[in-house]
Amino acid sequence: MKDLWPDRRLDLLAVLPTFTSSTNNATKAALEALEQDPQMGPYIFSPGIRQCIDLNYATSQRQTIWEYAPRSRAAEDYTRFLDFVDRQEQAGAHAIKEEAKTVI
């Protein structure tokens, strides 16, 4: 991203793994690698969005997961992700305020 837009400020808010499976060794290894990365680790939404066939059906019906299957695992995961993003934004706003206090 930074190579494409070197003059733009890009802040990482969240890393969203999708199609995850807690029983899959590849998923476990990928999540572990992301969590150990010093730049991405604090932003990883773990366990991510679990595999769910309802996502395929919702897409084919041109609906959101909340419209198609509001009680599905995917709807639950995406709702938790939105909460995570909200917390990340609040933490970022708090950090900016604290940084501003030290400058003043």
C-alpha atoms as a PDB file:
ATOM      1  CA  MET A   1       0.000   0.000   0.000  1.00  0.00           C
ATOM      2  CA  LYS A   2       2.764   2.396   0.916  1.00  0.00           C
ATOM      3  CA  ASP A   3       4.463   1.686  -2.414  1.00  0.00           C
ATOM      4  CA  LEU A   4       1.273   2.605  -4.279  1.00  0.00           C
ATOM      5  CA  TRP A   5       0.579   5.797  -2.306  1.00  0.00           C
ATOM      6  CA  PRO A   6       3.853   6.963  -0.762  1.00  0.00           C
ATOM      7  CA  ASP A   7       2.499  10.442   0.015  1.00  0.00           C
ATOM      8  CA  ARG A   8      -0.595   9.240   1.889  1.00  0.00           C
ATOM      9  CA  ARG A   9      -0.725   8.477   5.565  1.00  0.00           C
ATOM     10  CA  LEU A  10      -1.798   4.890   6.088  1.00  0.00           C
ATOM     11  CA  ASP A  11      -2.596   3.714   9.588  1.00  0.00           C
ATOM     12  CA  LEU A  12      -3.269   0.075  10.330  1.00  0.00           C
ATOM     13  CA  LEU A  13      -6.539  -0.325  12.199  1.00  0.00           C
ATOM     14  CA  ALA A  14      -7.116  -4.080  12.032  1.00  0.00           C
ATOM     15  CA  VAL A  15      -5.967  -7.286  10.384  1.00  0.00           C
ATOM     16  CA  LEU A  16      -8.916  -9.522   9.514  1.00  0.00           C
ATOM     17  CA  PRO A  17      -8.204 -13.188   8.801  1.00  0.00           C
ATOM     18  CA  THR A  18     -11.095 -14.804   6.928  1.00  0.00           C
ATOM     19  CA  PHE A  19     -12.192 -18.380   6.245  1.00  0.00           C
ATOM     20  CA  THR A  20     -10.476 -19.563   9.414  1.00  0.00           C
ATOM     21  CA  SER A  21     -10.931 -22.963  11.010  1.00  0.00           C
ATOM     22  CA  SER A  22      -9.781 -23.758  14.529  1.00  0.00           C
ATOM     23  CA  THR A  23      -9.172 -27.378  13.524  1.00  0.00           C
ATOM     24  CA  ASN A  24      -6.958 -26.510  10.554  1.00  0.00           C
ATOM     25  CA  ASN A  25      -3.199 -26.469  11.193  1.00  0.00           C
ATOM     26  CA  ALA A  26      -2.634 -23.941   8.398  1.00  0.00           C
ATOM     27  CA  THR A  27      -5.040 -21.509  10.077  1.00  0.00           C
ATOM     28  CA  LYS A  28      -3.342 -21.997  13.437  1.00  0.00           C
ATOM     29  CA  ALA A  29       0.103 -21.408  11.927  1.00  0.00           C
ATOM     30  CA  ALA A  30      -1.015 -18.307  10.003  1.00  0.00           C
ATOM     31  CA  LEU A  31      -2.702 -16.758  13.061  1.00  0.00           C
ATOM     32  CA  GLU A  32       0.343 -17.508  15.192  1.00  0.00           C
ATOM     33  CA  ALA A  33       2.665 -15.895  12.646  1.00  0.00           C
ATOM     34  CA  LEU A  34       0.472 -12.797  12.444  1.00  0.00           C
ATOM     35  CA  GLU A  35       0.212 -12.507  16.221  1.00  0.00           C
ATOM     36  CA  GLN A  36       4.014 -12.702  16.554  1.00  0.00           C
ATOM     37  CA  ASP A  37       4.604 -10.010  13.945  1.00  0.00           C
ATOM     38  CA  PRO A  38       5.546  -6.835  15.846  1.00  0.00           C
ATOM     39  CA  GLN A  39       3.756  -4.549  13.382  1.00  0.00           C
ATOM     40  CA  MET A  40       0.583  -6.600  12.867  1.00  0.00           C
ATOM     41  CA  GLY A  41       0.267  -8.482  16.143  1.00  0.00           C
ATOM     42  CA  PRO A  42      -1.543  -5.755  18.101  1.00  0.00           C
ATOM     43  CA  TYR A  43      -4.070  -5.345  15.286  1.00  0.00           C
ATOM     44  CA  ILE A  44      -4.960  -8.972  14.608  1.00  0.00           C
ATOM     45  CA  PHE A  45      -8.593  -9.916  15.044  1.00  0.00           C
ATOM     46  CA  SER A  46      -8.311 -13.446  16.327  1.00  0.00           C
ATOM     47  CA  PRO A  47      -9.761 -15.984  15.657  1.00  0.00           C
ATOM     48  CA  GLY A  48     -10.903 -14.099  12.566  1.00  0.00           C
ATOM     49  CA  ILE A  49     -13.990 -14.875  10.529  1.00  0.00           C
ATOM     50  CA  ARG A  50     -14.689 -18.590  10.676  1.00  0.00           C
ATOM     51  CA  GLN A  51     -15.593 -20.619   7.610  1.00  0.00           C
ATOM     52  CA  CYS A  52     -19.348 -20.484   7.114  1.00  0.00           C
ATOM     53  CA  ILE A  53     -21.361 -21.568   4.076  1.00  0.00           C
ATOM     54  CA  ASP A  54     -23.901 -18.860   4.882  1.00  0.00           C
ATOM     55  CA  LEU A  55     -21.393 -16.298   3.607  1.00  0.00           C
ATOM     56  CA  ASN A  56     -21.496 -17.922   0.174  1.00  0.00           C
ATOM     57  CA  TYR A  57     -25.289 -17.993   0.171  1.00  0.00           C
ATOM     58  CA  ALA A  58     -25.567 -14.398   1.370  1.00  0.00           C
ATOM     59  CA  THR A  59     -23.244 -13.269  -1.422  1.00  0.00           C
ATOM     60  CA  SER A  60     -25.214 -15.182  -4.042  1.00  0.00           C
ATOM     61  CA  GLN A  61     -28.400 -13.518  -2.791  1.00  0.00           C
ATOM     62  CA  ARG A  62     -26.694 -10.097  -2.733  1.00  0.00           C
ATOM     63  CA  GLN A  63     -27.395  -9.739   0.949  1.00  0.00           C
ATOM     64  CA  THR A  64     -25.298  -8.994   3.967  1.00  0.00           C
ATOM     65  CA  ILE A  65     -24.706 -11.824   6.361  1.00  0.00           C
ATOM     66  CA  TRP A  66     -27.010 -10.078   8.843  1.00  0.00           C
ATOM     67  CA  GLU A  67     -29.810 -10.018   6.277  1.00  0.00           C
ATOM     68  CA  TYR A  68     -29.325 -13.586   5.114  1.00  0.00           C
ATOM     69  CA  ALA A  69     -28.444 -15.404   8.338  1.00  0.00           C
ATOM     70  CA  PRO A  70     -28.394 -13.056  11.334  1.00  0.00           C
ATOM     71  CA  ARG A  71     -27.840 -15.922  13.802  1.00  0.00           C
ATOM     72  CA  SER A  72     -24.999 -17.566  11.871  1.00  0.00           C
ATOM     73  CA  ARG A  73     -21.396 -17.953  13.018  1.00  0.00           C
ATOM     74  CA  ALA A  74     -20.343 -15.477  10.357  1.00  0.00           C
ATOM     75  CA  ALA A  75     -22.795 -12.823  11.543  1.00  0.00           C
ATOM     76  CA  GLU A  76     -21.541 -13.344  15.087  1.00  0.00           C
ATOM     77  CA  ASP A  77     -17.911 -13.089  13.955  1.00  0.00           C
ATOM     78  CA  TYR A  78     -18.450  -9.948  11.887  1.00  0.00           C
ATOM     79  CA  THR A  79     -20.338  -8.328  14.757  1.00  0.00           C
ATOM     80  CA  ARG A  80     -17.413  -9.111  17.081  1.00  0.00           C
ATOM     81  CA  PHE A  81     -15.064  -7.682  14.441  1.00  0.00           C
ATOM     82  CA  LEU A  82     -17.009  -4.412  14.323  1.00  0.00           C
ATOM     83  CA  ASP A  83     -16.730  -4.199  18.109  1.00  0.00           C
ATOM     84  CA  PHE A  84     -12.979  -4.832  17.793  1.00  0.00           C
ATOM     85  CA  VAL A  85     -12.614  -2.054  15.218  1.00  0.00           C
ATOM     86  CA  ASP A  86     -14.577   0.305  17.448  1.00  0.00           C
ATOM     87  CA  ARG A  87     -12.240  -0.469  20.363  1.00  0.00           C
ATOM     88  CA  GLN A  88      -9.201   0.008  18.110  1.00  0.00           C
ATOM     89  CA  GLU A  89     -10.515   3.405  16.981  1.00  0.00           C
ATOM     90  CA  GLN A  90     -11.196   4.456  20.565  1.00  0.00           C
ATOM     91  CA  ALA A  91      -7.716   3.367  21.632  1.00  0.00           C
ATOM     92  CA  GLY A  92      -6.229   5.289  18.718  1.00  0.00           C
ATOM     93  CA  ALA A  93      -8.182   8.411  19.606  1.00  0.00           C
ATOM     94  CA  HIS A  94      -7.045   8.071  23.211  1.00  0.00           C
ATOM     95  CA  ALA A  95      -3.414   7.678  22.099  1.00  0.00           C
ATOM     96  CA  ILE A  96      -3.696  10.781  19.903  1.00  0.00           C
ATOM     97  CA  LYS A  97      -5.118  12.790  22.823  1.00  0.00           C
ATOM     98  CA  GLU A  98      -2.311  11.601  25.112  1.00  0.00           C
ATOM     99  CA  GLU A  99       0.274  12.453  22.465  1.00  0.00           C
ATOM    100  CA  ALA A 100      -1.232  15.915  22.078  1.00  0.00           C
ATOM    101  CA  LYS A 101      -0.958  16.483  25.842  1.00  0.00           C
ATOM    102  CA  THR A 102       2.772  15.833  25.740  1.00  0.00           C
ATOM    103  CA  VAL A 103       3.220  18.287  22.864  1.00  0.00           C
ATOM    104  CA  ILE A 104       1.312  21.112  24.556  1.00  0.00           C
END
